[in-house]
C-alpha atoms as a PDB file:
ATOM      1  CA  MET A   1      25.845  24.299   6.482  1.00  0.00           C
ATOM      2  CA  PRO A   2      25.058  24.314  10.200  1.00  0.00           C
ATOM      3  CA  GLY A   3      27.631  22.801  12.514  1.00  0.00           C
ATOM      4  CA  LYS A   4      26.855  20.850  15.657  1.00  0.00           C
ATOM      5  CA  ARG A   5      29.023  19.430  18.377  1.00  0.00           C
ATOM      6  CA  ILE A   6      28.484  15.894  19.556  1.00  0.00           C
ATOM      7  CA  GLU A   7      30.052  13.905  22.347  1.00  0.00           C
ATOM      8  CA  ILE A   8      31.453  10.490  21.556  1.00  0.00           C
ATOM      9  CA  ASP A   9      32.588   8.244  24.370  1.00  0.00           C
ATOM     10  CA  ASP A  10      36.236   7.288  24.759  1.00  0.00           C
ATOM     11  CA  GLU A  11      35.710   3.706  23.509  1.00  0.00           C
ATOM     12  CA  THR A  12      33.756   4.610  20.379  1.00  0.00           C
ATOM     13  CA  TRP A  13      36.042   7.358  19.054  1.00  0.00           C
ATOM     14  CA  PRO A  14      39.054   5.111  18.271  1.00  0.00           C
ATOM     15  CA  ALA A  15      36.735   2.566  16.633  1.00  0.00           C
ATOM     16  CA  LEU A  16      35.275   5.274  14.411  1.00  0.00           C
ATOM     17  CA  ARG A  17      38.725   6.591  13.497  1.00  0.00           C
ATOM     18  CA  LEU A  18      39.864   3.071  12.590  1.00  0.00           C
ATOM     19  CA  LEU A  19      36.721   2.471  10.501  1.00  0.00           C
ATOM     20  CA  ALA A  20      37.226   5.763   8.671  1.00  0.00           C
ATOM     21  CA  ARG A  21      40.855   4.902   7.971  1.00  0.00           C
ATOM     22  CA  ASP A  22      39.971   1.376   6.774  1.00  0.00           C
ATOM     23  CA  ARG A  23      37.311   2.688   4.419  1.00  0.00           C
ATOM     24  CA  MET A  24      39.416   5.702   3.362  1.00  0.00           C
ATOM     25  CA  MET A  25      36.681   8.108   4.462  1.00  0.00           C
ATOM     26  CA  THR A  26      36.615  11.205   6.608  1.00  0.00           C
ATOM     27  CA  PHE A  27      34.696  11.348   9.854  1.00  0.00           C
ATOM     28  CA  GLN A  28      32.208  13.670   8.120  1.00  0.00           C
ATOM     29  CA  GLU A  29      31.575  11.072   5.393  1.00  0.00           C
ATOM     30  CA  LEU A  30      31.002   8.398   8.042  1.00  0.00           C
ATOM     31  CA  ALA A  31      28.580  10.682   9.876  1.00  0.00           C
ATOM     32  CA  ASP A  32      26.717  11.551   6.645  1.00  0.00           C
ATOM     33  CA  GLU A  33      26.315   7.857   5.825  1.00  0.00           C
ATOM     34  CA  ALA A  34      25.184   7.020   9.364  1.00  0.00           C
ATOM     35  CA  PHE A  35      22.580   9.784   9.475  1.00  0.00           C
ATOM     36  CA  ALA A  36      21.291   8.937   5.990  1.00  0.00           C
ATOM     37  CA  ASP A  37      20.868   5.300   7.074  1.00  0.00           C
ATOM     38  CA  LEU A  38      19.076   6.393  10.251  1.00  0.00           C
ATOM     39  CA  LEU A  39      16.663   8.611   8.321  1.00  0.00           C
ATOM     40  CA  LYS A  40      16.005   5.839   5.792  1.00  0.00           C
ATOM     41  CA  LYS A  41      15.339   3.356   8.607  1.00  0.00           C
ATOM     42  CA  HIS A  42      12.627   5.639   9.994  1.00  0.00           C
ATOM     43  CA  GLY A  43      11.129   6.466   6.598  1.00  0.00           C
ATOM     44  CA  ARG A  44      12.293  10.074   6.519  1.00  0.00           C
ATOM     45  CA  PRO A  45      13.600  11.672   3.321  1.00  0.00           C
ATOM     46  CA  VAL A  46      17.280  12.571   3.303  1.00  0.00           C
ATOM     47  CA  ASP A  47      17.156  15.495   0.866  1.00  0.00           C
ATOM     48  CA  LEU A  48      14.689  17.856  -0.770  1.00  0.00           C
ATOM     49  CA  ARG A  49      14.307  15.720  -3.901  1.00  0.00           C
ATOM     50  CA  ALA A  50      13.368  12.652  -1.844  1.00  0.00           C
ATOM     51  CA  ALA A  51      10.940  14.728   0.245  1.00  0.00           C
ATOM     52  CA  LEU A  52       9.200  16.033  -2.885  1.00  0.00           C
ATOM     53  CA  ARG A  53       8.946  12.545  -4.381  1.00  0.00           C
ATOM     54  CA  LYS A  54       7.500  11.194  -1.152  1.00  0.00           C
ATOM     55  CA  SER A  55       4.938  13.991  -0.858  1.00  0.00           C
ATOM     56  CA  VAL A  56       3.832  13.602  -4.475  1.00  0.00           C
ATOM     57  CA  ALA A  57       3.581   9.828  -4.207  1.00  0.00           C
ATOM     58  CA  ALA A  58       1.383  10.062  -1.115  1.00  0.00           C
ATOM     59  CA  SER A  59      -1.161  12.373  -2.743  1.00  0.00           C
ATOM     60  CA  ALA A  60      -1.024  11.214  -6.347  1.00  0.00           C
ATOM     61  CA  ASP A  61      -4.086   9.638  -7.927  1.00  0.00           C
ATOM     62  CA  VAL A  62      -3.250   6.861 -10.315  1.00  0.00           C
ATOM     63  CA  VAL A  63      -5.159   7.274 -13.561  1.00  0.00           C
ATOM     64  CA  PRO A  64      -4.958   4.288 -15.891  1.00  0.00           C
ATOM     65  CA  LEU A  65      -4.160   5.105 -19.494  1.00  0.00           C
ATOM     66  CA  ARG A  66      -6.634   4.141 -22.172  1.00  0.00           C
ATOM     67  CA  PRO A  67      -5.312   1.635 -24.667  1.00  0.00           C
ATOM     68  CA  LYS A  68      -4.528   3.194 -28.002  1.00  0.00           C
ATOM     69  CA  SER A  69      -7.189   2.490 -30.570  1.00  0.00           C
ATOM     70  CA  LYS A  70      -6.188   1.181 -33.947  1.00  0.00           C
ATOM     71  CA  SER A  71      -5.998   4.167 -36.200  1.00  0.00           C
ATOM     72  CA  LYS A  72      -6.533   4.257 -39.902  1.00  0.00           C
ATOM     73  CA  ALA A  73      -3.680   4.923 -42.280  1.00  0.00           C
ATOM     74  CA  PRO A  74      -2.593   8.552 -42.150  1.00  0.00           C
ATOM     75  CA  ARG A  75      -4.209  10.778 -44.719  1.00  0.00           C
ATOM     76  CA  LYS A  76      -2.122  12.412 -47.360  1.00  0.00           C
ATOM     77  CA  ARG A  77      -2.214  16.164 -47.261  1.00  0.00           C
ATOM     78  CA  SER A  78      -3.188  17.838 -50.473  1.00  0.00           C
ATOM     79  CA  ARG A  79      -1.232  20.781 -51.744  1.00  0.00           C
ATOM     80  CA  ARG A  80      -3.107  23.881 -52.740  1.00  0.00           C
END
């Protein structure tokens, strides 16, 4: 997993630490939730599964199913 350094201003850091403590989460869990929400807000998939679903949904042609016709009673098989 790639690591990145970010700068957080002196006023925000204590607020984030307090939020993490109140919610019994780590800073990493808070960051994961925040970035997932940001991606969702902008319509971007968060993981590979979501990306595949989105790409399939965009190019999929919807083909209506034909209604099942009433079938006759099943035939009995004869033994030879």
